[in-house]
Amino acid sequence: MKHICTILTVIFAASLAFGQTNSPSLEDTIAWMDNTYNHSGRGFVVQSERHTNHWSFEETSRFTYSQGRMVLIQVEPGDTNWRGGSPVGKWATYDFSFNLRDIDPTTIHVQPLSSIYMSDCTNPEEARELGDCGSQAEVQFSIRDEQRLIQKVTTTWEKFPLGTTHDDIGTTSSASFGMNDLAYAERFAKALKHAVILCGGKPSTF
């Protein structure tokens, strides 16, 4: 009986080792995220004002990665104004810089989005009324213990492209990747969580 238990223990340990060696590496995971997000056109979200559709904005996102540190870059072209429907001319970019090891992997989740700004797709009744909560999504995440370790730089142009720029530098504890494919968002969230864990990311204390 002792001999059988020893054999089973060896088999179990070998199966764990096999599973670990066949798990995607950090390099492969980041490469997949880069190929499918940065180079596919999926990092694109469009939202409109709820009642009149006289106002809307577009947001295009991409990221860079180097040695455990990621920079999420979001670009919002000039909004459409309320009355005339012409571009306001105010552009903005948002740069979120963070270390993957600082993310709490348990906070990574997918939030479905509608094309209507400030709508709530988590409310079943509102989701039915909106009818397009599967059209877009965000992969949201937070830093361990809600520490404000994400460096955020907001750059705005009041009269793009001729106007001067204004930078607003601060910190935050959460951010999100926007995308126009809900099914892909689930896969991206899984890859992001895997990368965070490989970099040493841990759950919050409580």
C-alpha atoms as a PDB file:
ATOM      1  CA  MET A   1       0.000   0.000   0.000  1.00  0.00           C
ATOM      2  CA  LYS A   2       2.847   2.371   0.864  1.00  0.00           C
ATOM      3  CA  HIS A   3       4.465   1.572  -2.487  1.00  0.00           C
ATOM      4  CA  ILE A   4       1.213   2.420  -4.327  1.00  0.00           C
ATOM      5  CA  CYS A   5       0.919   5.751  -2.483  1.00  0.00           C
ATOM      6  CA  THR A   6       4.484   6.627  -3.445  1.00  0.00           C
ATOM      7  CA  ILE A   7       3.759   5.898  -7.099  1.00  0.00           C
ATOM      8  CA  LEU A   8       0.595   8.021  -7.018  1.00  0.00           C
ATOM      9  CA  THR A   9       2.497  10.906  -5.398  1.00  0.00           C
ATOM     10  CA  VAL A  10       5.147  10.780  -8.106  1.00  0.00           C
ATOM     11  CA  ILE A  11       2.490  10.703 -10.841  1.00  0.00           C
ATOM     12  CA  PHE A  12       0.647  13.656  -9.286  1.00  0.00           C
ATOM     13  CA  ALA A  13       3.857  15.717  -8.975  1.00  0.00           C
ATOM     14  CA  ALA A  14       4.757  14.905 -12.559  1.00  0.00           C
ATOM     15  CA  SER A  15       1.321  15.965 -13.791  1.00  0.00           C
ATOM     16  CA  LEU A  16       1.669  19.299 -11.971  1.00  0.00           C
ATOM     17  CA  ALA A  17       5.081  19.875 -13.489  1.00  0.00           C
ATOM     18  CA  PHE A  18       3.723  18.986 -16.945  1.00  0.00           C
ATOM     19  CA  GLY A  19       0.863  21.459 -16.510  1.00  0.00           C
ATOM     20  CA  GLN A  20       3.235  24.216 -15.459  1.00  0.00           C
ATOM     21  CA  THR A  21       5.638  23.681 -18.337  1.00  0.00           C
ATOM     22  CA  ASN A  22       2.738  23.752 -20.804  1.00  0.00           C
ATOM     23  CA  SER A  23       1.288  26.969 -19.385  1.00  0.00           C
ATOM     24  CA  PRO A  24       1.969  29.980 -21.664  1.00  0.00           C
ATOM     25  CA  SER A  25       5.072  31.918 -20.674  1.00  0.00           C
ATOM     26  CA  LEU A  26       4.942  35.605 -19.840  1.00  0.00           C
ATOM     27  CA  GLU A  27       6.597  36.404 -23.156  1.00  0.00           C
ATOM     28  CA  ASP A  28       4.017  34.373 -25.087  1.00  0.00           C
ATOM     29  CA  THR A  29       1.138  35.880 -23.098  1.00  0.00           C
ATOM     30  CA  ILE A  30       2.223  39.478 -23.711  1.00  0.00           C
ATOM     31  CA  ALA A  31       2.834  38.678 -27.394  1.00  0.00           C
ATOM     32  CA  TRP A  32      -0.718  37.301 -27.714  1.00  0.00           C
ATOM     33  CA  MET A  33      -2.167  40.382 -26.004  1.00  0.00           C
ATOM     34  CA  ASP A  34      -0.128  42.661 -28.263  1.00  0.00           C
ATOM     35  CA  ASN A  35      -1.110  40.866 -31.473  1.00  0.00           C
ATOM     36  CA  THR A  36      -4.807  40.582 -30.667  1.00  0.00           C
ATOM     37  CA  TYR A  37      -5.317  44.006 -29.061  1.00  0.00           C
ATOM     38  CA  ASN A  38      -2.801  46.487 -30.431  1.00  0.00           C
ATOM     39  CA  HIS A  39      -2.793  45.195 -33.997  1.00  0.00           C
ATOM     40  CA  SER A  40      -6.384  44.082 -34.509  1.00  0.00           C
ATOM     41  CA  GLY A  41      -8.479  47.224 -34.109  1.00  0.00           C
ATOM     42  CA  ARG A  42     -10.296  45.777 -31.082  1.00  0.00           C
ATOM     43  CA  GLY A  43      -9.218  48.599 -28.753  1.00  0.00           C
ATOM     44  CA  PHE A  44     -11.958  50.920 -29.986  1.00  0.00           C
ATOM     45  CA  VAL A  45     -15.078  52.163 -28.171  1.00  0.00           C
ATOM     46  CA  VAL A  46     -17.815  54.563 -29.361  1.00  0.00           C
ATOM     47  CA  GLN A  47     -20.453  56.033 -27.037  1.00  0.00           C
ATOM     48  CA  SER A  48     -23.248  58.578 -27.542  1.00  0.00           C
ATOM     49  CA  GLU A  49     -25.330  60.842 -25.313  1.00  0.00           C
ATOM     50  CA  ARG A  50     -28.345  58.975 -23.975  1.00  0.00           C
ATOM     51  CA  HIS A  51     -31.379  60.943 -25.167  1.00  0.00           C
ATOM     52  CA  THR A  52     -30.582  63.000 -28.264  1.00  0.00           C
ATOM     53  CA  ASN A  53     -27.425  61.424 -29.746  1.00  0.00           C
ATOM     54  CA  HIS A  54     -26.201  64.979 -30.388  1.00  0.00           C
ATOM     55  CA  TRP A  55     -22.987  64.232 -28.542  1.00  0.00           C
ATOM     56  CA  SER A  56     -20.607  61.299 -28.856  1.00  0.00           C
ATOM     57  CA  PHE A  57     -16.988  60.340 -28.416  1.00  0.00           C
ATOM     58  CA  GLU A  58     -14.591  57.718 -29.686  1.00  0.00           C
ATOM     59  CA  GLU A  59     -11.789  56.138 -27.684  1.00  0.00           C
ATOM     60  CA  THR A  60      -8.905  54.169 -29.150  1.00  0.00           C
ATOM     61  CA  SER A  61      -6.595  52.231 -26.831  1.00  0.00           C
ATOM     62  CA  ARG A  62      -3.281  50.426 -27.093  1.00  0.00           C
ATOM     63  CA  PHE A  63      -0.541  49.419 -24.668  1.00  0.00           C
ATOM     64  CA  THR A  64       3.218  49.076 -24.467  1.00  0.00           C
ATOM     65  CA  TYR A  65       5.131  46.649 -22.271  1.00  0.00           C
ATOM     66  CA  SER A  66       8.712  46.426 -21.035  1.00  0.00           C
ATOM     67  CA  GLN A  67      10.209  44.429 -18.158  1.00  0.00           C
ATOM     68  CA  GLY A  68       7.038  44.033 -16.129  1.00  0.00           C
ATOM     69  CA  ARG A  69       5.796  47.592 -16.644  1.00  0.00           C
ATOM     70  CA  MET A  70       2.835  48.383 -18.874  1.00  0.00           C
ATOM     71  CA  VAL A  71       1.592  51.690 -20.245  1.00  0.00           C
ATOM     72  CA  LEU A  72      -2.050  51.842 -21.351  1.00  0.00           C
ATOM     73  CA  ILE A  73      -2.619  54.695 -23.808  1.00  0.00           C
ATOM     74  CA  GLN A  74      -6.129  55.953 -24.567  1.00  0.00           C
ATOM     75  CA  VAL A  75      -6.850  58.585 -27.213  1.00  0.00           C
ATOM     76  CA  GLU A  76     -10.119  60.522 -27.476  1.00  0.00           C
ATOM     77  CA  PRO A  77     -10.477  62.692 -30.607  1.00  0.00           C
ATOM     78  CA  GLY A  78     -12.501  65.911 -30.509  1.00  0.00           C
ATOM     79  CA  ASP A  79     -16.014  65.380 -29.171  1.00  0.00           C
ATOM     80  CA  THR A  80     -19.114  66.280 -31.139  1.00  0.00           C
ATOM     81  CA  ASN A  81     -20.830  69.305 -29.627  1.00  0.00           C
ATOM     82  CA  TRP A  82     -24.413  69.506 -28.457  1.00  0.00           C
ATOM     83  CA  ARG A  83     -25.897  71.959 -30.976  1.00  0.00           C
ATOM     84  CA  GLY A  84     -24.194  72.043 -34.323  1.00  0.00           C
ATOM     85  CA  GLY A  85     -22.872  68.500 -34.546  1.00  0.00           C
ATOM     86  CA  SER A  86     -19.367  69.713 -35.481  1.00  0.00           C
ATOM     87  CA  PRO A  87     -16.116  68.728 -33.728  1.00  0.00           C
ATOM     88  CA  VAL A  88     -15.344  70.767 -30.647  1.00  0.00           C
ATOM     89  CA  GLY A  89     -11.626  70.430 -31.381  1.00  0.00           C
ATOM     90  CA  LYS A  90     -10.603  69.269 -27.916  1.00  0.00           C
ATOM     91  CA  TRP A  91      -8.482  66.143 -28.018  1.00  0.00           C
ATOM     92  CA  ALA A  92      -7.242  64.163 -25.033  1.00  0.00           C
ATOM     93  CA  THR A  93      -4.854  61.316 -24.340  1.00  0.00           C
ATOM     94  CA  TYR A  94      -4.668  59.319 -21.124  1.00  0.00           C
ATOM     95  CA  ASP A  95      -1.525  57.389 -20.202  1.00  0.00           C
ATOM     96  CA  PHE A  96      -1.785  54.854 -17.365  1.00  0.00           C
ATOM     97  CA  SER A  97       1.584  53.445 -16.296  1.00  0.00           C
ATOM     98  CA  PHE A  98       1.790  50.517 -13.855  1.00  0.00           C
ATOM     99  CA  ASN A  99       3.641  47.342 -12.890  1.00  0.00           C
ATOM    100  CA  LEU A 100       1.789  44.095 -13.533  1.00  0.00           C
ATOM    101  CA  ARG A 101       3.019  42.716 -10.197  1.00  0.00           C
ATOM    102  CA  ASP A 102       1.063  45.449  -8.363  1.00  0.00           C
ATOM    103  CA  ILE A 103      -2.321  44.375  -9.773  1.00  0.00           C
ATOM    104  CA  ASP A 104      -4.654  42.265  -7.637  1.00  0.00           C
ATOM    105  CA  PRO A 105      -5.458  39.409 -10.065  1.00  0.00           C
ATOM    106  CA  THR A 106      -8.828  38.780  -8.386  1.00  0.00           C
ATOM    107  CA  THR A 107     -10.037  42.254  -9.438  1.00  0.00           C
ATOM    108  CA  ILE A 108      -9.619  41.611 -13.164  1.00  0.00           C
ATOM    109  CA  HIS A 109     -13.080  41.304 -14.683  1.00  0.00           C
ATOM    110  CA  VAL A 110     -15.130  42.093 -17.778  1.00  0.00           C
ATOM    111  CA  GLN A 111     -17.697  44.902 -17.712  1.00  0.00           C
ATOM    112  CA  PRO A 112     -20.096  44.857 -20.718  1.00  0.00           C
ATOM    113  CA  LEU A 113     -20.718  48.267 -22.277  1.00  0.00           C
ATOM    114  CA  SER A 114     -23.501  49.796 -24.333  1.00  0.00           C
ATOM    115  CA  SER A 115     -23.053  52.407 -27.045  1.00  0.00           C
ATOM    116  CA  ILE A 116     -24.908  54.798 -24.713  1.00  0.00           C
ATOM    117  CA  TYR A 117     -22.660  56.842 -22.428  1.00  0.00           C
ATOM    118  CA  MET A 118     -23.055  56.320 -18.652  1.00  0.00           C
ATOM    119  CA  SER A 119     -25.447  53.404 -19.099  1.00  0.00           C
ATOM    120  CA  ASP A 120     -25.491  50.439 -16.697  1.00  0.00           C
ATOM    121  CA  CYS A 121     -25.304  47.036 -18.374  1.00  0.00           C
ATOM    122  CA  THR A 122     -25.168  45.322 -14.959  1.00  0.00           C
ATOM    123  CA  ASN A 123     -28.805  46.308 -14.394  1.00  0.00           C
ATOM    124  CA  PRO A 124     -30.869  43.567 -16.129  1.00  0.00           C
ATOM    125  CA  GLU A 125     -33.819  45.862 -16.813  1.00  0.00           C
ATOM    126  CA  GLU A 126     -31.647  48.618 -18.272  1.00  0.00           C
ATOM    127  CA  ALA A 127     -29.630  46.091 -20.256  1.00  0.00           C
ATOM    128  CA  ARG A 128     -32.812  44.798 -21.907  1.00  0.00           C
ATOM    129  CA  GLU A 129     -33.856  48.366 -22.733  1.00  0.00           C
ATOM    130  CA  LEU A 130     -30.446  49.234 -24.189  1.00  0.00           C
ATOM    131  CA  GLY A 131     -30.328  46.112 -26.302  1.00  0.00           C
ATOM    132  CA  ASP A 132     -26.618  46.331 -27.182  1.00  0.00           C
ATOM    133  CA  CYS A 133     -24.758  45.489 -23.985  1.00  0.00           C
ATOM    134  CA  GLY A 134     -22.798  42.806 -25.804  1.00  0.00           C
ATOM    135  CA  SER A 135     -21.393  45.178 -28.403  1.00  0.00           C
ATOM    136  CA  GLN A 136     -18.519  46.612 -26.326  1.00  0.00           C
ATOM    137  CA  ALA A 137     -16.725  45.936 -23.046  1.00  0.00           C
ATOM    138  CA  GLU A 138     -14.037  46.986 -20.611  1.00  0.00           C
ATOM    139  CA  VAL A 139     -11.517  44.744 -18.875  1.00  0.00           C
ATOM    140  CA  GLN A 140     -11.217  46.474 -15.507  1.00  0.00           C
ATOM    141  CA  PHE A 141      -8.554  45.959 -12.840  1.00  0.00           C
ATOM    142  CA  SER A 142      -7.353  47.448  -9.548  1.00  0.00           C
ATOM    143  CA  ILE A 143      -4.083  47.663  -7.661  1.00  0.00           C
ATOM    144  CA  ARG A 144      -3.550  45.421  -4.624  1.00  0.00           C
ATOM    145  CA  ASP A 145      -5.062  46.943  -1.475  1.00  0.00           C
ATOM    146  CA  GLU A 146      -6.303  49.865  -3.613  1.00  0.00           C
ATOM    147  CA  GLN A 147      -2.911  51.566  -3.489  1.00  0.00           C
ATOM    148  CA  ARG A 148      -2.625  54.518  -5.883  1.00  0.00           C
ATOM    149  CA  LEU A 149       0.311  53.079  -7.803  1.00  0.00           C
ATOM    150  CA  ILE A 150      -0.953  53.778 -11.319  1.00  0.00           C
ATOM    151  CA  GLN A 151       0.664  56.908 -12.737  1.00  0.00           C
ATOM    152  CA  LYS A 152      -1.886  58.795 -14.851  1.00  0.00           C
ATOM    153  CA  VAL A 153      -0.992  61.572 -17.287  1.00  0.00           C
ATOM    154  CA  THR A 154      -3.839  63.391 -19.043  1.00  0.00           C
ATOM    155  CA  THR A 155      -2.851  65.551 -22.005  1.00  0.00           C
ATOM    156  CA  THR A 156      -5.453  67.814 -23.627  1.00  0.00           C
ATOM    157  CA  TRP A 157      -5.457  70.030 -26.721  1.00  0.00           C
ATOM    158  CA  GLU A 158      -8.085  72.757 -26.586  1.00  0.00           C
ATOM    159  CA  LYS A 159      -7.856  73.514 -30.323  1.00  0.00           C
ATOM    160  CA  PHE A 160      -6.255  70.427 -31.795  1.00  0.00           C
ATOM    161  CA  PRO A 161      -3.970  70.302 -33.705  1.00  0.00           C
ATOM    162  CA  LEU A 162      -2.959  73.997 -33.551  1.00  0.00           C
ATOM    163  CA  GLY A 163      -3.603  74.709 -29.889  1.00  0.00           C
ATOM    164  CA  THR A 164      -1.250  74.259 -26.979  1.00  0.00           C
ATOM    165  CA  THR A 165      -1.257  71.177 -24.772  1.00  0.00           C
ATOM    166  CA  HIS A 166      -1.991  70.903 -21.080  1.00  0.00           C
ATOM    167  CA  ASP A 167      -0.762  68.024 -18.899  1.00  0.00           C
ATOM    168  CA  ASP A 168      -2.441  66.865 -15.708  1.00  0.00           C
ATOM    169  CA  ILE A 169      -0.366  64.350 -13.723  1.00  0.00           C
ATOM    170  CA  GLY A 170      -1.771  62.237 -10.905  1.00  0.00           C
ATOM    171  CA  THR A 171      -2.239  58.725  -9.560  1.00  0.00           C
ATOM    172  CA  THR A 172      -5.103  56.264  -9.354  1.00  0.00           C
ATOM    173  CA  SER A 173      -5.760  52.722  -8.110  1.00  0.00           C
ATOM    174  CA  SER A 174      -7.722  51.332 -11.071  1.00  0.00           C
ATOM    175  CA  ALA A 175      -7.940  51.450 -14.864  1.00  0.00           C
ATOM    176  CA  SER A 176      -9.480  49.545 -17.760  1.00  0.00           C
ATOM    177  CA  PHE A 177      -8.907  48.349 -21.311  1.00  0.00           C
ATOM    178  CA  GLY A 178     -11.762  49.277 -23.667  1.00  0.00           C
ATOM    179  CA  MET A 179     -12.663  47.028 -26.600  1.00  0.00           C
ATOM    180  CA  ASN A 180     -15.402  46.438 -29.139  1.00  0.00           C
ATOM    181  CA  ASP A 181     -15.668  42.663 -28.737  1.00  0.00           C
ATOM    182  CA  LEU A 182     -17.235  41.162 -25.599  1.00  0.00           C
ATOM    183  CA  ALA A 183     -16.183  37.572 -26.342  1.00  0.00           C
ATOM    184  CA  TYR A 184     -12.603  38.723 -26.900  1.00  0.00           C
ATOM    185  CA  ALA A 185     -12.734  40.724 -23.660  1.00  0.00           C
ATOM    186  CA  GLU A 186     -13.209  37.465 -21.728  1.00  0.00           C
ATOM    187  CA  ARG A 187     -10.106  35.994 -23.368  1.00  0.00           C
ATOM    188  CA  PHE A 188      -8.081  39.183 -22.815  1.00  0.00           C
ATOM    189  CA  ALA A 189      -9.045  39.236 -19.126  1.00  0.00           C
ATOM    190  CA  LYS A 190      -7.839  35.642 -18.784  1.00  0.00           C
ATOM    191  CA  ALA A 191      -4.516  36.502 -20.443  1.00  0.00           C
ATOM    192  CA  LEU A 192      -4.051  39.636 -18.326  1.00  0.00           C
ATOM    193  CA  LYS A 193      -4.678  37.677 -15.134  1.00  0.00           C
ATOM    194  CA  HIS A 194      -2.177  35.026 -16.220  1.00  0.00           C
ATOM    195  CA  ALA A 195       0.456  37.700 -16.941  1.00  0.00           C
ATOM    196  CA  VAL A 196      -0.155  39.394 -13.589  1.00  0.00           C
ATOM    197  CA  ILE A 197       0.276  36.125 -11.687  1.00  0.00           C
ATOM    198  CA  LEU A 198       3.466  35.294 -13.611  1.00  0.00           C
ATOM    199  CA  CYS A 199       4.813  38.735 -12.608  1.00  0.00           C
ATOM    200  CA  GLY A 200       4.070  38.054  -8.936  1.00  0.00           C
ATOM    201  CA  GLY A 201       0.696  39.749  -8.567  1.00  0.00           C
ATOM    202  CA  LYS A 202      -1.164  38.758  -5.388  1.00  0.00           C
ATOM    203  CA  PRO A 203      -4.677  39.254  -3.983  1.00  0.00           C
ATOM    204  CA  SER A 204      -5.375  42.144  -1.625  1.00  0.00           C
ATOM    205  CA  THR A 205      -4.874  41.620   2.094  1.00  0.00           C
ATOM    206  CA  PHE A 206      -8.621  41.584   2.759  1.00  0.00           C
END
